Amino acid sequence: MLEGAKSMGAGAATIASAGAAVGIGNIFSSLIHSVARNLSLEKQLFGYAILGFALTEAIALFALMMDFFILFVF
Protein backbone atom coordinates (compact mmCIF):
# COMPACT_ATOMS: atom_id res chain seq x y z
CA MET A 1 0.00 0.00 0.00
CA LEU A 2 2.76 2.43 0.91
CA GLU A 3 4.79 1.61 -2.21
CA GLY A 4 1.79 2.39 -4.40
CA ALA A 5 1.24 5.72 -2.66
CA LYS A 6 4.90 6.59 -3.06
CA SER A 7 4.77 5.80 -6.77
CA MET A 8 1.63 7.89 -7.24
CA GLY A 9 3.20 10.81 -5.36
CA ALA A 10 6.38 10.57 -7.40
CA GLY A 11 4.35 10.52 -10.61
CA ALA A 12 2.43 13.59 -9.53
CA ALA A 13 5.69 15.39 -8.74
CA THR A 14 7.00 14.49 -12.20
CA ILE A 15 4.17 16.44 -13.86
CA ALA A 16 6.04 19.63 -12.94
CA SER A 17 8.78 18.63 -15.38
CA ALA A 18 6.29 18.77 -18.25
CA GLY A 19 5.15 22.20 -17.10
CA ALA A 20 8.74 23.40 -16.97
CA ALA A 21 9.34 22.13 -20.49
CA VAL A 22 6.32 24.06 -21.76
CA GLY A 23 7.52 27.16 -19.91
CA ILE A 24 10.99 26.95 -21.43
CA GLY A 25 9.45 26.57 -24.87
CA ASN A 26 7.33 29.67 -24.30
CA ILE A 27 10.35 31.66 -23.12
CA PHE A 28 12.43 30.97 -26.21
CA SER A 29 9.44 31.29 -28.53
CA SER A 30 8.84 34.76 -27.11
CA LEU A 31 12.54 35.54 -27.53
CA ILE A 32 12.40 34.67 -31.23
CA HIS A 33 9.28 36.77 -31.76
CA SER A 34 10.72 39.72 -29.84
CA VAL A 35 14.04 39.69 -31.69
CA ALA A 36 12.19 39.47 -35.00
CA ARG A 37 10.28 42.61 -34.07
CA ASN A 38 13.19 44.62 -32.66
CA LEU A 39 16.65 43.41 -33.61
CA SER A 40 18.45 46.21 -31.77
CA LEU A 41 17.38 44.80 -28.37
CA GLU A 42 18.71 41.29 -29.06
CA LYS A 43 21.39 41.23 -26.33
CA GLN A 44 19.09 42.61 -23.63
CA LEU A 45 16.27 40.24 -24.57
CA PHE A 46 18.65 37.28 -24.62
CA GLY A 47 19.74 38.12 -21.07
CA TYR A 48 16.12 38.20 -19.93
CA ALA A 49 15.45 34.89 -21.70
CA ILE A 50 18.40 33.22 -19.98
CA LEU A 51 17.19 34.51 -16.61
CA GLY A 52 13.72 33.14 -17.29
CA PHE A 53 15.23 29.84 -18.43
CA ALA A 54 17.28 29.55 -15.24
CA LEU A 55 14.31 30.25 -12.99
CA THR A 56 12.08 27.81 -14.88
CA GLU A 57 14.78 25.14 -14.81
CA ALA A 58 15.16 25.68 -11.07
CA ILE A 59 11.49 24.80 -10.66
CA ALA A 60 12.05 21.61 -12.68
CA LEU A 61 15.06 20.67 -10.57
CA PHE A 62 13.07 21.33 -7.40
CA ALA A 63 10.35 18.99 -8.69
CA LEU A 64 12.97 16.34 -9.45
CA MET A 65 14.36 16.74 -5.94
CA MET A 66 10.87 16.28 -4.49
CA ASP A 67 10.43 13.21 -6.67
CA PHE A 68 13.57 11.57 -5.30
CA PHE A 69 12.66 12.72 -1.80
CA ILE A 70 9.30 10.97 -2.03
CA LEU A 71 10.78 7.78 -3.47
CA PHE A 72 13.84 7.31 -1.30
CA VAL A 73 13.26 9.11 2.02
CA PHE A 74 9.69 8.16 2.94
C-alpha atoms as a PDB file:
ATOM      1  CA  MET A   1       0.000   0.000   0.000  1.00  0.00           C
ATOM      2  CA  LEU A   2       2.760   2.425   0.914  1.00  0.00           C
ATOM      3  CA  GLU A   3       4.787   1.615  -2.207  1.00  0.00           C
ATOM      4  CA  GLY A   4       1.790   2.387  -4.403  1.00  0.00           C
ATOM      5  CA  ALA A   5       1.235   5.715  -2.665  1.00  0.00           C
ATOM      6  CA  LYS A   6       4.905   6.589  -3.060  1.00  0.00           C
ATOM      7  CA  SER A   7       4.772   5.799  -6.775  1.00  0.00           C
ATOM      8  CA  MET A   8       1.632   7.886  -7.236  1.00  0.00           C
ATOM      9  CA  GLY A   9       3.200  10.806  -5.358  1.00  0.00           C
ATOM     10  CA  ALA A  10       6.382  10.570  -7.401  1.00  0.00           C
ATOM     11  CA  GLY A  11       4.350  10.516 -10.608  1.00  0.00           C
ATOM     12  CA  ALA A  12       2.429  13.586  -9.526  1.00  0.00           C
ATOM     13  CA  ALA A  13       5.690  15.392  -8.744  1.00  0.00           C
ATOM     14  CA  THR A  14       6.996  14.486 -12.197  1.00  0.00           C
ATOM     15  CA  ILE A  15       4.173  16.437 -13.860  1.00  0.00           C
ATOM     16  CA  ALA A  16       6.038  19.633 -12.941  1.00  0.00           C
ATOM     17  CA  SER A  17       8.782  18.631 -15.384  1.00  0.00           C
ATOM     18  CA  ALA A  18       6.294  18.765 -18.254  1.00  0.00           C
ATOM     19  CA  GLY A  19       5.154  22.195 -17.097  1.00  0.00           C
ATOM     20  CA  ALA A  20       8.742  23.401 -16.968  1.00  0.00           C
ATOM     21  CA  ALA A  21       9.341  22.130 -20.493  1.00  0.00           C
ATOM     22  CA  VAL A  22       6.324  24.058 -21.761  1.00  0.00           C
ATOM     23  CA  GLY A  23       7.519  27.159 -19.906  1.00  0.00           C
ATOM     24  CA  ILE A  24      10.987  26.953 -21.434  1.00  0.00           C
ATOM     25  CA  GLY A  25       9.448  26.569 -24.875  1.00  0.00           C
ATOM     26  CA  ASN A  26       7.332  29.669 -24.296  1.00  0.00           C
ATOM     27  CA  ILE A  27      10.349  31.662 -23.118  1.00  0.00           C
ATOM     28  CA  PHE A  28      12.429  30.974 -26.205  1.00  0.00           C
ATOM     29  CA  SER A  29       9.445  31.288 -28.530  1.00  0.00           C
ATOM     30  CA  SER A  30       8.836  34.761 -27.113  1.00  0.00           C
ATOM     31  CA  LEU A  31      12.543  35.539 -27.533  1.00  0.00           C
ATOM     32  CA  ILE A  32      12.405  34.665 -31.227  1.00  0.00           C
ATOM     33  CA  HIS A  33       9.275  36.771 -31.756  1.00  0.00           C
ATOM     34  CA  SER A  34      10.722  39.724 -29.843  1.00  0.00           C
ATOM     35  CA  VAL A  35      14.040  39.693 -31.691  1.00  0.00           C
ATOM     36  CA  ALA A  36      12.189  39.468 -34.996  1.00  0.00           C
ATOM     37  CA  ARG A  37      10.276  42.611 -34.072  1.00  0.00           C
ATOM     38  CA  ASN A  38      13.185  44.625 -32.663  1.00  0.00           C
ATOM     39  CA  LEU A  39      16.647  43.414 -33.610  1.00  0.00           C
ATOM     40  CA  SER A  40      18.446  46.205 -31.765  1.00  0.00           C
ATOM     41  CA  LEU A  41      17.383  44.795 -28.366  1.00  0.00           C
ATOM     42  CA  GLU A  42      18.709  41.294 -29.058  1.00  0.00           C
ATOM     43  CA  LYS A  43      21.388  41.233 -26.326  1.00  0.00           C
ATOM     44  CA  GLN A  44      19.094  42.609 -23.629  1.00  0.00           C
ATOM     45  CA  LEU A  45      16.269  40.241 -24.575  1.00  0.00           C
ATOM     46  CA  PHE A  46      18.648  37.278 -24.617  1.00  0.00           C
ATOM     47  CA  GLY A  47      19.737  38.123 -21.074  1.00  0.00           C
ATOM     48  CA  TYR A  48      16.120  38.199 -19.934  1.00  0.00           C
ATOM     49  CA  ALA A  49      15.448  34.892 -21.696  1.00  0.00           C
ATOM     50  CA  ILE A  50      18.400  33.216 -19.976  1.00  0.00           C
ATOM     51  CA  LEU A  51      17.190  34.515 -16.612  1.00  0.00           C
ATOM     52  CA  GLY A  52      13.717  33.136 -17.288  1.00  0.00           C
ATOM     53  CA  PHE A  53      15.225  29.840 -18.430  1.00  0.00           C
ATOM     54  CA  ALA A  54      17.281  29.551 -15.241  1.00  0.00           C
ATOM     55  CA  LEU A  55      14.305  30.252 -12.988  1.00  0.00           C
ATOM     56  CA  THR A  56      12.085  27.805 -14.875  1.00  0.00           C
ATOM     57  CA  GLU A  57      14.777  25.140 -14.814  1.00  0.00           C
ATOM     58  CA  ALA A  58      15.161  25.678 -11.067  1.00  0.00           C
ATOM     59  CA  ILE A  59      11.492  24.796 -10.658  1.00  0.00           C
ATOM     60  CA  ALA A  60      12.053  21.609 -12.680  1.00  0.00           C
ATOM     61  CA  LEU A  61      15.056  20.669 -10.571  1.00  0.00           C
ATOM     62  CA  PHE A  62      13.074  21.329  -7.400  1.00  0.00           C
ATOM     63  CA  ALA A  63      10.345  18.995  -8.690  1.00  0.00           C
ATOM     64  CA  LEU A  64      12.969  16.339  -9.447  1.00  0.00           C
ATOM     65  CA  MET A  65      14.364  16.738  -5.941  1.00  0.00           C
ATOM     66  CA  MET A  66      10.873  16.280  -4.487  1.00  0.00           C
ATOM     67  CA  ASP A  67      10.430  13.215  -6.673  1.00  0.00           C
ATOM     68  CA  PHE A  68      13.567  11.573  -5.304  1.00  0.00           C
ATOM     69  CA  PHE A  69      12.662  12.715  -1.802  1.00  0.00           C
ATOM     70  CA  ILE A  70       9.295  10.970  -2.031  1.00  0.00           C
ATOM     71  CA  LEU A  71      10.781   7.778  -3.466  1.00  0.00           C
ATOM     72  CA  PHE A  72      13.843   7.309  -1.296  1.00  0.00           C
ATOM     73  CA  VAL A  73      13.256   9.107   2.017  1.00  0.00           C
ATOM     74  CA  PHE A  74       9.694   8.160   2.938  1.00  0.00           C
END
